[in-house]
């Protein structure tokens, strides 16, 4: 049931224009931040995130990351 709610929320967010109104982005960021608070208290989630960051890491060069960031702004 919670998966259906999450999928519906993602589908709704896909239609939102974040570039036109920065408040939309702030609302989503704050909602995700508050929603993550209960998850962060879990040691299992913290370990999974830490291991993912450590083992997978970021691949690519700085130039590729800057290019992707510039493309996301437009």
Protein backbone atom coordinates (compact mmCIF):
# COMPACT_ATOMS: atom_id res chain seq x y z
CA UNK A 1 0.00 0.00 0.00
CA UNK A 2 2.77 2.46 0.85
CA UNK A 3 4.43 1.63 -2.47
CA UNK A 4 1.31 2.71 -4.33
CA UNK A 5 1.25 6.00 -2.42
CA UNK A 6 4.91 6.60 -3.23
CA UNK A 7 4.40 5.74 -6.91
CA UNK A 8 1.45 8.11 -7.15
CA UNK A 9 3.46 10.88 -5.50
CA UNK A 10 6.32 10.38 -7.93
CA UNK A 11 3.90 10.47 -10.86
CA UNK A 12 2.46 13.77 -9.59
CA UNK A 13 5.93 15.25 -9.10
CA UNK A 14 6.87 14.31 -12.67
CA UNK A 15 4.39 16.91 -13.92
CA UNK A 16 5.61 19.75 -11.70
CA UNK A 17 7.77 22.45 -13.26
CA UNK A 18 10.53 23.20 -10.80
CA UNK A 19 12.26 25.78 -13.00
CA UNK A 20 9.25 28.09 -13.18
CA UNK A 21 8.66 28.26 -9.43
CA UNK A 22 11.48 27.70 -6.94
CA UNK A 23 8.95 27.26 -4.13
CA UNK A 24 7.96 23.92 -5.65
CA UNK A 25 11.52 22.67 -5.29
CA UNK A 26 11.71 23.91 -1.71
CA UNK A 27 8.46 22.15 -0.81
CA UNK A 28 9.66 18.83 -2.25
CA UNK A 29 13.08 19.15 -0.60
CA UNK A 30 11.58 19.95 2.80
CA UNK A 31 9.07 17.11 2.51
CA UNK A 32 11.76 14.60 1.62
CA UNK A 33 13.97 15.91 4.40
CA UNK A 34 11.28 15.54 7.05
CA UNK A 35 10.33 12.16 5.65
CA UNK A 36 13.92 10.94 5.91
CA UNK A 37 14.16 11.76 9.62
CA UNK A 38 12.54 8.47 10.77
CA UNK A 39 14.67 6.53 8.30
CA UNK A 40 17.94 8.12 9.40
CA UNK A 41 17.42 6.85 12.93
CA UNK A 42 17.72 3.32 11.58
CA UNK A 43 21.25 1.96 11.75
CA UNK A 44 20.56 -0.37 8.84
CA UNK A 45 19.73 2.52 6.50
CA UNK A 46 22.78 4.49 7.57
CA UNK A 47 25.00 1.48 6.97
CA UNK A 48 23.45 0.91 3.54
CA UNK A 49 23.94 4.52 2.50
CA UNK A 50 27.51 4.61 3.81
CA UNK A 51 28.42 1.33 2.10
CA UNK A 52 26.82 2.46 -1.15
CA UNK A 53 28.76 5.72 -1.10
CA UNK A 54 31.99 3.93 -0.19
CA UNK A 55 31.74 0.98 -2.57
CA UNK A 56 30.06 2.64 -5.57
CA UNK A 57 31.36 6.15 -5.11
CA UNK A 58 31.12 8.79 -7.77
CA UNK A 59 32.56 7.92 -11.13
CA UNK A 60 33.53 10.31 -13.86
CA UNK A 61 35.56 13.46 -14.06
CA UNK A 62 34.92 16.88 -12.61
CA UNK A 63 34.21 18.21 -16.11
CA UNK A 64 31.46 15.61 -16.61
CA UNK A 65 29.88 16.53 -13.28
CA UNK A 66 29.97 20.23 -14.14
CA UNK A 67 28.45 19.53 -17.55
CA UNK A 68 25.64 17.53 -15.96
CA UNK A 69 24.98 20.30 -13.44
CA UNK A 70 24.85 22.90 -16.20
CA UNK A 71 22.44 20.75 -18.22
CA UNK A 72 20.18 20.35 -15.17
CA UNK A 73 19.96 24.11 -14.74
CA UNK A 74 18.47 24.59 -18.21
